[in-house]
Amino acid sequence: MTDIYERDLYGMKYSILKSPYHKKVVTACAEILGVPPMKMRRLLIENLDMMTLESLGVRYDSWVTQGDTEGGMRREVGYELFTTFIPVISRDSMEQSFEESTASEKNIEDIKANLRKRVFEEEIS
């Protein structure tokens, strides 16, 4: 017999993300990073536990009102959203993306492309 802690919880996590408000949050997060919602959903399922997924809407709302208050590029990329409020991207990956992009004076889309390469293992075009 398998303990509940050893089971694959993918189906249960996916069920959480199917609720109407969770769908809106997933879509908003996917738009920030420039990825399809299904990729964002997979990232959330693979990296977050059940409690964090259930509180996804509240975490997103908290970021909207309290996160990245200085605005600018950090707000557009969702720096604190994806490192603190919904922790799916490591702070190191985020910082490296910013450093590489700032060093070469790239725009916000280049930072997002660099993040997609690091997180979703996409090729930069």
Protein backbone atom coordinates (compact mmCIF):
# COMPACT_ATOMS: atom_id res chain seq x y z
CA MET A 1 0.00 0.00 0.00
CA THR A 2 1.26 3.47 -0.85
CA ASP A 3 1.21 6.26 1.65
CA ILE A 4 -0.65 9.38 0.61
CA TYR A 5 2.62 11.33 0.77
CA GLU A 6 4.18 9.11 -1.85
CA ARG A 7 1.31 9.35 -4.33
CA ASP A 8 1.46 11.45 -7.45
CA LEU A 9 -0.69 14.47 -6.66
CA TYR A 10 -0.67 15.85 -10.21
CA GLY A 11 -4.40 15.23 -10.73
CA MET A 12 -5.39 16.86 -7.47
CA LYS A 13 -3.16 19.87 -8.14
CA TYR A 14 -4.59 20.21 -11.65
CA SER A 15 -8.12 20.16 -10.18
CA ILE A 16 -7.23 23.13 -7.99
CA LEU A 17 -5.98 25.10 -10.99
CA LYS A 18 -9.20 24.45 -12.96
CA SER A 19 -11.31 26.74 -10.76
CA PRO A 20 -12.38 29.98 -12.49
CA TYR A 21 -10.29 32.34 -10.37
CA HIS A 22 -7.21 30.11 -10.50
CA LYS A 23 -7.54 30.04 -14.30
CA LYS A 24 -7.47 33.85 -14.35
CA VAL A 25 -4.37 33.94 -12.15
CA VAL A 26 -2.59 31.30 -14.23
CA THR A 27 -3.44 33.23 -17.41
CA ALA A 28 -2.21 36.51 -15.89
CA CYS A 29 1.06 34.90 -14.78
CA ALA A 30 1.53 33.27 -18.17
CA GLU A 31 1.00 36.62 -19.91
CA ILE A 32 3.61 38.27 -17.69
CA LEU A 33 6.21 35.69 -18.73
CA GLY A 34 4.97 35.35 -22.30
CA VAL A 35 4.25 31.61 -22.17
CA PRO A 36 1.11 29.58 -22.86
CA PRO A 37 -1.09 28.98 -19.78
CA MET A 38 -0.49 25.21 -19.98
CA LYS A 39 3.27 25.71 -19.51
CA MET A 40 2.58 28.00 -16.56
CA ARG A 41 0.19 25.43 -15.08
CA ARG A 42 2.82 22.71 -15.40
CA LEU A 43 5.44 24.91 -13.71
CA LEU A 44 3.08 25.62 -10.81
CA ILE A 45 2.13 21.95 -10.39
CA GLU A 46 5.73 20.78 -10.44
CA ASN A 47 7.06 23.40 -8.04
CA LEU A 48 4.31 24.20 -5.54
CA ASP A 49 2.61 22.17 -2.85
CA MET A 50 -1.17 21.84 -2.46
CA MET A 51 -1.54 24.60 0.14
CA THR A 52 0.39 27.10 -1.95
CA LEU A 53 -1.68 26.23 -5.01
CA GLU A 54 -4.91 26.67 -3.08
CA SER A 55 -3.81 30.14 -1.98
CA LEU A 56 -2.64 31.13 -5.46
CA GLY A 57 -5.34 33.76 -5.94
CA VAL A 58 -4.64 35.46 -2.63
CA ARG A 59 -0.91 35.40 -3.29
CA TYR A 60 -1.40 37.01 -6.70
CA ASP A 61 -3.75 39.65 -5.26
CA SER A 62 -1.19 40.42 -2.55
CA TRP A 63 1.48 40.94 -5.16
CA VAL A 64 -0.79 43.27 -7.14
CA THR A 65 -1.27 45.51 -4.10
CA GLN A 66 2.01 45.09 -2.22
CA GLY A 67 4.66 43.60 -4.48
CA ASP A 68 7.23 45.32 -6.70
CA THR A 69 6.06 48.71 -5.48
CA GLU A 70 8.88 50.57 -7.21
CA GLY A 71 7.38 49.60 -10.58
CA GLY A 72 9.48 49.59 -13.73
CA MET A 73 11.06 46.49 -15.19
CA ARG A 74 10.81 44.51 -11.94
CA ARG A 75 7.03 44.98 -11.90
CA GLU A 76 6.64 44.10 -15.59
CA VAL A 77 8.62 40.88 -15.16
CA GLY A 78 6.93 40.02 -11.86
CA TYR A 79 10.18 39.84 -9.91
CA GLU A 80 8.63 39.50 -6.45
CA LEU A 81 5.59 37.66 -7.83
CA PHE A 82 7.65 34.72 -9.06
CA THR A 83 10.36 34.75 -6.37
CA THR A 84 8.38 35.52 -3.21
CA PHE A 85 4.59 35.52 -3.57
CA ILE A 86 4.38 32.54 -5.95
CA PRO A 87 7.90 31.07 -5.63
CA VAL A 88 8.50 29.22 -8.88
CA ILE A 89 11.63 31.04 -10.08
CA SER A 90 14.75 31.19 -7.95
CA ARG A 91 16.05 34.60 -6.98
CA ASP A 92 19.39 33.66 -8.56
CA SER A 93 17.80 32.95 -11.95
CA MET A 94 15.86 36.20 -11.78
CA GLU A 95 18.94 38.22 -10.82
CA GLN A 96 21.06 36.62 -13.55
CA SER A 97 18.40 37.43 -16.14
CA PHE A 98 18.35 41.06 -15.02
CA GLU A 99 22.15 41.32 -14.87
CA GLU A 100 22.64 39.86 -18.34
CA SER A 101 19.96 42.07 -19.79
CA THR A 102 21.10 45.23 -17.98
CA ALA A 103 24.72 44.69 -18.96
CA SER A 104 23.80 44.66 -22.63
CA GLU A 105 20.98 47.25 -22.24
CA LYS A 106 18.30 44.90 -23.49
CA ASN A 107 14.61 45.65 -23.17
CA ILE A 108 11.95 43.98 -21.05
CA GLU A 109 11.17 41.36 -23.71
CA ASP A 110 14.78 40.21 -23.67
CA ILE A 111 14.63 39.76 -19.89
CA LYS A 112 11.46 37.70 -20.29
CA ALA A 113 13.06 35.63 -23.05
CA ASN A 114 16.06 34.99 -20.83
CA LEU A 115 13.77 33.90 -17.99
CA ARG A 116 11.85 31.57 -20.32
CA LYS A 117 15.14 30.03 -21.38
CA ARG A 118 16.17 29.46 -17.76
CA VAL A 119 12.82 28.28 -16.41
CA PHE A 120 11.13 26.56 -19.34
CA GLU A 121 14.35 25.61 -21.16
CA GLU A 122 13.31 27.44 -24.33
CA GLU A 123 15.69 28.68 -26.94
CA ILE A 124 16.07 32.44 -27.26
CA SER A 125 15.09 33.54 -30.74
